[in-house]
Amino acid sequence: MDHHHEAVEQAFPELATIESDDLRTGVREAWAIAMADNDIDDLETVAWFPPVQRGLGLADELLVPHIRDVTQGAITFAEILQERRSIDLSVDTLVAGALVHDVSKLYEFDGMEPTSVGDLLGHPYYGVYVVAAVGLPVELAHIVLSHTHRTSVEPATLEAAIIRQVDNAAATAIRSQAVTDLRKV
């Protein structure tokens, strides 16, 4: 498991910005367990979102750069909001949530093919289980569940709302590489 922990730290240097030892450890553990459960040794080779990739001919898109885009985008947007408005948000929750928002994809796909988790549960339901199993707070499970329109759960916190918007923009940026009119995807 130490190899998996090291791989997670290498893939996500943003982990170091989480001040809470418990959150940082939990995020690292969620990814390490997901890697071990799915026999993944190199996190940086995991595909971003196979169904979309197949449909758009974007086979080379990877999950780690997407998660890092979402994390950095969420941090930047939160900094802007904190500078311009009197808002109360937890940067630790924001970063941890951004880092785990797609942890379920390791269970949903085996390479480019869907698994039974992907077929029967879909995105991102299993991520809620992973986050809870490592003892991360319910606020992070909420971020995982509400980060996509594929569930009926709307973001209830500012952290969750930021991650949902930034994730959508980051996914749209990937799609924009294959189409000139984003209304068609």
C-alpha atoms as a PDB file:
ATOM      1  CA  MET A   1       0.000   0.000   0.000  1.00  0.00           C
ATOM      2  CA  ASP A   2       2.973   2.333   0.532  1.00  0.00           C
ATOM      3  CA  HIS A   3       3.545   2.336  -3.231  1.00  0.00           C
ATOM      4  CA  HIS A   4      -0.027   3.526  -3.708  1.00  0.00           C
ATOM      5  CA  HIS A   5       0.349   6.283  -1.113  1.00  0.00           C
ATOM      6  CA  GLU A   6       3.499   7.505  -2.836  1.00  0.00           C
ATOM      7  CA  ALA A   7       1.780   7.394  -6.229  1.00  0.00           C
ATOM      8  CA  VAL A   8      -1.110   9.485  -4.888  1.00  0.00           C
ATOM      9  CA  GLU A   9       1.246  12.081  -3.417  1.00  0.00           C
ATOM     10  CA  GLN A  10       3.157  12.272  -6.682  1.00  0.00           C
ATOM     11  CA  ALA A  11       0.004  12.556  -8.794  1.00  0.00           C
ATOM     12  CA  PHE A  12      -1.600  15.195  -6.567  1.00  0.00           C
ATOM     13  CA  PRO A  13       0.942  17.631  -5.129  1.00  0.00           C
ATOM     14  CA  GLU A  14      -2.036  19.765  -4.034  1.00  0.00           C
ATOM     15  CA  LEU A  15      -2.427  17.322  -1.128  1.00  0.00           C
ATOM     16  CA  ALA A  16       0.334  19.227   0.637  1.00  0.00           C
ATOM     17  CA  THR A  17      -1.840  22.363   0.753  1.00  0.00           C
ATOM     18  CA  ILE A  18      -4.433  20.663   2.978  1.00  0.00           C
ATOM     19  CA  GLU A  19      -3.660  21.839   6.509  1.00  0.00           C
ATOM     20  CA  SER A  20      -5.745  19.222   8.310  1.00  0.00           C
ATOM     21  CA  ASP A  21      -3.753  16.045   8.834  1.00  0.00           C
ATOM     22  CA  ASP A  22      -6.986  14.023   8.980  1.00  0.00           C
ATOM     23  CA  LEU A  23      -8.309  15.368   5.661  1.00  0.00           C
ATOM     24  CA  ARG A  24      -4.965  15.016   3.899  1.00  0.00           C
ATOM     25  CA  THR A  25      -4.537  11.458   5.187  1.00  0.00           C
ATOM     26  CA  GLY A  26      -8.119  10.551   4.285  1.00  0.00           C
ATOM     27  CA  VAL A  27      -7.818  11.836   0.718  1.00  0.00           C
ATOM     28  CA  ARG A  28      -4.558   9.958   0.237  1.00  0.00           C
ATOM     29  CA  GLU A  29      -6.088   6.816   1.734  1.00  0.00           C
ATOM     30  CA  ALA A  30      -9.206   7.018  -0.475  1.00  0.00           C
ATOM     31  CA  TRP A  31      -7.084   7.061  -3.618  1.00  0.00           C
ATOM     32  CA  ALA A  32      -4.639   4.415  -2.331  1.00  0.00           C
ATOM     33  CA  ILE A  33      -7.493   2.032  -1.495  1.00  0.00           C
ATOM     34  CA  ALA A  34      -9.166   2.693  -4.849  1.00  0.00           C
ATOM     35  CA  MET A  35      -5.876   1.910  -6.592  1.00  0.00           C
ATOM     36  CA  ALA A  36      -5.356  -1.286  -4.580  1.00  0.00           C
ATOM     37  CA  ASP A  37      -8.966  -2.443  -5.025  1.00  0.00           C
ATOM     38  CA  ASN A  38      -8.691  -2.054  -8.794  1.00  0.00           C
ATOM     39  CA  ASP A  39      -5.116  -3.301  -9.315  1.00  0.00           C
ATOM     40  CA  ILE A  40      -3.925   0.098 -10.530  1.00  0.00           C
ATOM     41  CA  ASP A  41      -0.221   0.716 -10.043  1.00  0.00           C
ATOM     42  CA  ASP A  42       0.114   3.911 -12.067  1.00  0.00           C
ATOM     43  CA  LEU A  43      -2.634   6.410 -11.289  1.00  0.00           C
ATOM     44  CA  GLU A  44      -1.355   8.714 -14.003  1.00  0.00           C
ATOM     45  CA  THR A  45      -2.390   6.275 -16.760  1.00  0.00           C
ATOM     46  CA  VAL A  46      -6.099   6.137 -15.806  1.00  0.00           C
ATOM     47  CA  ALA A  47      -8.457   7.434 -18.479  1.00  0.00           C
ATOM     48  CA  TRP A  48     -10.531  10.548 -17.770  1.00  0.00           C
ATOM     49  CA  PHE A  49     -14.045   9.456 -18.806  1.00  0.00           C
ATOM     50  CA  PRO A  50     -14.127   6.585 -21.348  1.00  0.00           C
ATOM     51  CA  PRO A  51     -17.673   6.985 -22.759  1.00  0.00           C
ATOM     52  CA  VAL A  52     -17.087  10.625 -23.656  1.00  0.00           C
ATOM     53  CA  GLN A  53     -13.561   9.906 -24.842  1.00  0.00           C
ATOM     54  CA  ARG A  54     -14.758   7.185 -27.213  1.00  0.00           C
ATOM     55  CA  GLY A  55     -17.533   9.361 -28.574  1.00  0.00           C
ATOM     56  CA  LEU A  56     -15.239  12.309 -29.230  1.00  0.00           C
ATOM     57  CA  GLY A  57     -12.072  10.455 -30.227  1.00  0.00           C
ATOM     58  CA  LEU A  58     -10.134  11.700 -27.202  1.00  0.00           C
ATOM     59  CA  ALA A  59      -8.483   8.442 -26.147  1.00  0.00           C
ATOM     60  CA  ASP A  60      -5.458  10.195 -24.621  1.00  0.00           C
ATOM     61  CA  GLU A  61      -7.327  12.209 -21.965  1.00  0.00           C
ATOM     62  CA  LEU A  62      -6.306  11.220 -18.446  1.00  0.00           C
ATOM     63  CA  LEU A  63      -7.976  11.509 -15.052  1.00  0.00           C
ATOM     64  CA  VAL A  64      -5.131  13.013 -13.006  1.00  0.00           C
ATOM     65  CA  PRO A  65      -4.727  16.175 -15.132  1.00  0.00           C
ATOM     66  CA  HIS A  66      -8.507  16.673 -14.999  1.00  0.00           C
ATOM     67  CA  ILE A  67      -8.575  16.400 -11.201  1.00  0.00           C
ATOM     68  CA  ARG A  68      -5.635  18.767 -10.923  1.00  0.00           C
ATOM     69  CA  ASP A  69      -7.406  21.242 -13.258  1.00  0.00           C
ATOM     70  CA  VAL A  70     -10.504  21.101 -11.066  1.00  0.00           C
ATOM     71  CA  THR A  71      -8.477  21.471  -7.875  1.00  0.00           C
ATOM     72  CA  GLN A  72      -6.439  24.419  -9.108  1.00  0.00           C
ATOM     73  CA  GLY A  73      -9.503  26.057 -10.658  1.00  0.00           C
ATOM     74  CA  ALA A  74     -11.451  25.702  -7.419  1.00  0.00           C
ATOM     75  CA  ILE A  75      -8.573  27.177  -5.399  1.00  0.00           C
ATOM     76  CA  THR A  76      -8.226  30.116  -7.770  1.00  0.00           C
ATOM     77  CA  PHE A  77     -11.957  30.825  -7.840  1.00  0.00           C
ATOM     78  CA  ALA A  78     -12.168  30.599  -4.044  1.00  0.00           C
ATOM     79  CA  GLU A  79      -9.269  33.055  -3.723  1.00  0.00           C
ATOM     80  CA  ILE A  80     -11.097  35.516  -5.984  1.00  0.00           C
ATOM     81  CA  LEU A  81     -14.291  35.177  -3.964  1.00  0.00           C
ATOM     82  CA  GLN A  82     -12.437  35.576  -0.670  1.00  0.00           C
ATOM     83  CA  GLU A  83     -10.685  38.687  -1.967  1.00  0.00           C
ATOM     84  CA  ARG A  84     -13.814  40.331  -3.357  1.00  0.00           C
ATOM     85  CA  ARG A  85     -16.505  39.160  -0.924  1.00  0.00           C
ATOM     86  CA  SER A  86     -16.869  38.386   2.744  1.00  0.00           C
ATOM     87  CA  ILE A  87     -17.445  34.674   2.438  1.00  0.00           C
ATOM     88  CA  ASP A  88     -16.912  31.796   4.770  1.00  0.00           C
ATOM     89  CA  LEU A  89     -15.485  28.721   3.126  1.00  0.00           C
ATOM     90  CA  SER A  90     -13.067  26.004   4.090  1.00  0.00           C
ATOM     91  CA  VAL A  91     -10.119  25.848   1.718  1.00  0.00           C
ATOM     92  CA  ASP A  92      -9.209  22.456   3.186  1.00  0.00           C
ATOM     93  CA  THR A  93     -12.683  21.097   2.395  1.00  0.00           C
ATOM     94  CA  LEU A  94     -12.531  22.655  -1.062  1.00  0.00           C
ATOM     95  CA  VAL A  95      -9.144  21.126  -1.933  1.00  0.00           C
ATOM     96  CA  ALA A  96      -9.959  17.738  -0.393  1.00  0.00           C
ATOM     97  CA  GLY A  97     -13.326  17.666  -2.189  1.00  0.00           C
ATOM     98  CA  ALA A  98     -11.787  18.584  -5.517  1.00  0.00           C
ATOM     99  CA  LEU A  99      -9.178  15.870  -5.109  1.00  0.00           C
ATOM    100  CA  VAL A 100     -11.705  13.098  -4.346  1.00  0.00           C
ATOM    101  CA  HIS A 101     -14.601  14.190  -6.561  1.00  0.00           C
ATOM    102  CA  ASP A 102     -13.806  11.531  -9.207  1.00  0.00           C
ATOM    103  CA  VAL A 103     -12.304   8.753  -7.061  1.00  0.00           C
ATOM    104  CA  SER A 104     -15.163   6.468  -8.138  1.00  0.00           C
ATOM    105  CA  LYS A 105     -13.870   6.390 -11.718  1.00  0.00           C
ATOM    106  CA  LEU A 106     -11.267   3.831 -10.658  1.00  0.00           C
ATOM    107  CA  TYR A 107     -14.176   1.506  -9.852  1.00  0.00           C
ATOM    108  CA  GLU A 108     -16.379   2.533 -12.790  1.00  0.00           C
ATOM    109  CA  PHE A 109     -13.934   1.616 -15.563  1.00  0.00           C
ATOM    110  CA  ASP A 110     -11.334  -1.022 -16.278  1.00  0.00           C
ATOM    111  CA  GLY A 111      -9.186   0.794 -18.772  1.00  0.00           C
ATOM    112  CA  MET A 112     -11.700   2.087 -21.302  1.00  0.00           C
ATOM    113  CA  GLU A 113     -14.427  -0.468 -20.479  1.00  0.00           C
ATOM    114  CA  PRO A 114     -17.209  -0.024 -17.922  1.00  0.00           C
ATOM    115  CA  THR A 115     -17.295  -2.298 -14.893  1.00  0.00           C
ATOM    116  CA  SER A 116     -20.379  -3.535 -13.073  1.00  0.00           C
ATOM    117  CA  VAL A 117     -20.002  -0.530 -10.732  1.00  0.00           C
ATOM    118  CA  GLY A 118     -20.091   1.759 -13.745  1.00  0.00           C
ATOM    119  CA  ASP A 119     -22.980  -0.141 -15.332  1.00  0.00           C
ATOM    120  CA  LEU A 120     -25.146  -0.565 -12.246  1.00  0.00           C
ATOM    121  CA  LEU A 121     -24.344   2.482 -10.150  1.00  0.00           C
ATOM    122  CA  GLY A 122     -22.863   4.995 -12.522  1.00  0.00           C
ATOM    123  CA  HIS A 123     -20.970   8.121 -11.677  1.00  0.00           C
ATOM    124  CA  PRO A 124     -20.341   9.163  -8.786  1.00  0.00           C
ATOM    125  CA  TYR A 125     -22.257   6.982  -6.350  1.00  0.00           C
ATOM    126  CA  TYR A 126     -19.452   4.596  -5.440  1.00  0.00           C
ATOM    127  CA  GLY A 127     -17.221   7.554  -4.606  1.00  0.00           C
ATOM    128  CA  VAL A 128     -19.511   8.353  -1.678  1.00  0.00           C
ATOM    129  CA  TYR A 129     -18.845   4.883  -0.307  1.00  0.00           C
ATOM    130  CA  VAL A 130     -15.068   5.239  -0.753  1.00  0.00           C
ATOM    131  CA  VAL A 131     -15.002   8.616   0.986  1.00  0.00           C
ATOM    132  CA  ALA A 132     -17.120   7.316   3.877  1.00  0.00           C
ATOM    133  CA  ALA A 133     -15.099   4.094   4.167  1.00  0.00           C
ATOM    134  CA  VAL A 134     -11.904   6.037   4.902  1.00  0.00           C
ATOM    135  CA  GLY A 135     -13.657   8.216   7.472  1.00  0.00           C
ATOM    136  CA  LEU A 136     -13.759  11.474   5.538  1.00  0.00           C
ATOM    137  CA  PRO A 137     -16.512  13.876   6.651  1.00  0.00           C
ATOM    138  CA  VAL A 138     -19.974  13.931   5.132  1.00  0.00           C
ATOM    139  CA  GLU A 139     -19.203  17.304   3.533  1.00  0.00           C
ATOM    140  CA  LEU A 140     -16.781  15.510   1.217  1.00  0.00           C
ATOM    141  CA  ALA A 141     -19.303  12.778   0.412  1.00  0.00           C
ATOM    142  CA  HIS A 142     -21.727  15.591  -0.453  1.00  0.00           C
ATOM    143  CA  ILE A 143     -19.165  17.161  -2.809  1.00  0.00           C
ATOM    144  CA  VAL A 144     -18.626  13.809  -4.538  1.00  0.00           C
ATOM    145  CA  LEU A 145     -22.367  13.247  -4.917  1.00  0.00           C
ATOM    146  CA  SER A 146     -23.296  16.769  -6.008  1.00  0.00           C
ATOM    147  CA  HIS A 147     -20.395  17.557  -8.340  1.00  0.00           C
ATOM    148  CA  THR A 148     -22.255  16.306 -11.418  1.00  0.00           C
ATOM    149  CA  HIS A 149     -25.684  16.645 -12.963  1.00  0.00           C
ATOM    150  CA  ARG A 150     -25.781  12.838 -13.184  1.00  0.00           C
ATOM    151  CA  THR A 151     -27.305  12.814  -9.690  1.00  0.00           C
ATOM    152  CA  SER A 152     -30.315  14.717  -8.408  1.00  0.00           C
ATOM    153  CA  VAL A 153     -28.315  16.110  -5.490  1.00  0.00           C
ATOM    154  CA  GLU A 154     -27.655  19.827  -5.840  1.00  0.00           C
ATOM    155  CA  PRO A 155     -24.682  21.444  -4.079  1.00  0.00           C
ATOM    156  CA  ALA A 156     -25.690  22.640  -0.604  1.00  0.00           C
ATOM    157  CA  THR A 157     -22.388  24.300   0.306  1.00  0.00           C
ATOM    158  CA  LEU A 158     -20.254  26.907  -1.378  1.00  0.00           C
ATOM    159  CA  GLU A 159     -17.388  24.429  -1.611  1.00  0.00           C
ATOM    160  CA  ALA A 160     -19.614  21.909  -3.416  1.00  0.00           C
ATOM    161  CA  ALA A 161     -21.015  24.592  -5.738  1.00  0.00           C
ATOM    162  CA  ILE A 162     -17.537  25.781  -6.695  1.00  0.00           C
ATOM    163  CA  ILE A 163     -16.341  22.259  -7.443  1.00  0.00           C
ATOM    164  CA  ARG A 164     -19.415  21.495  -9.540  1.00  0.00           C
ATOM    165  CA  GLN A 165     -18.934  24.622 -11.650  1.00  0.00           C
ATOM    166  CA  VAL A 166     -15.186  24.199 -12.065  1.00  0.00           C
ATOM    167  CA  ASP A 167     -15.548  20.480 -12.860  1.00  0.00           C
ATOM    168  CA  ASN A 168     -18.092  21.310 -15.536  1.00  0.00           C
ATOM    169  CA  ALA A 169     -15.779  23.948 -17.041  1.00  0.00           C
ATOM    170  CA  ALA A 170     -12.786  21.588 -16.952  1.00  0.00           C
ATOM    171  CA  ALA A 171     -14.788  18.808 -18.648  1.00  0.00           C
ATOM    172  CA  THR A 172     -16.045  21.292 -21.238  1.00  0.00           C
ATOM    173  CA  ALA A 173     -12.450  22.333 -21.948  1.00  0.00           C
ATOM    174  CA  ILE A 174     -11.624  18.688 -22.697  1.00  0.00           C
ATOM    175  CA  ARG A 175     -14.649  18.314 -24.969  1.00  0.00           C
ATOM    176  CA  SER A 176     -13.735  21.543 -26.778  1.00  0.00           C
ATOM    177  CA  GLN A 177     -10.668  19.797 -28.184  1.00  0.00           C
ATOM    178  CA  ALA A 178     -12.941  17.626 -30.335  1.00  0.00           C
ATOM    179  CA  VAL A 179     -15.776  19.958 -31.321  1.00  0.00           C
ATOM    180  CA  THR A 180     -16.091  23.558 -32.378  1.00  0.00           C
ATOM    181  CA  ASP A 181     -19.697  23.949 -31.187  1.00  0.00           C
ATOM    182  CA  LEU A 182     -20.051  22.846 -27.578  1.00  0.00           C
ATOM    183  CA  ARG A 183     -23.850  22.784 -27.858  1.00  0.00           C
ATOM    184  CA  LYS A 184     -23.461  19.508 -29.750  1.00  0.00           C
ATOM    185  CA  VAL A 185     -21.897  17.540 -26.899  1.00  0.00           C
END
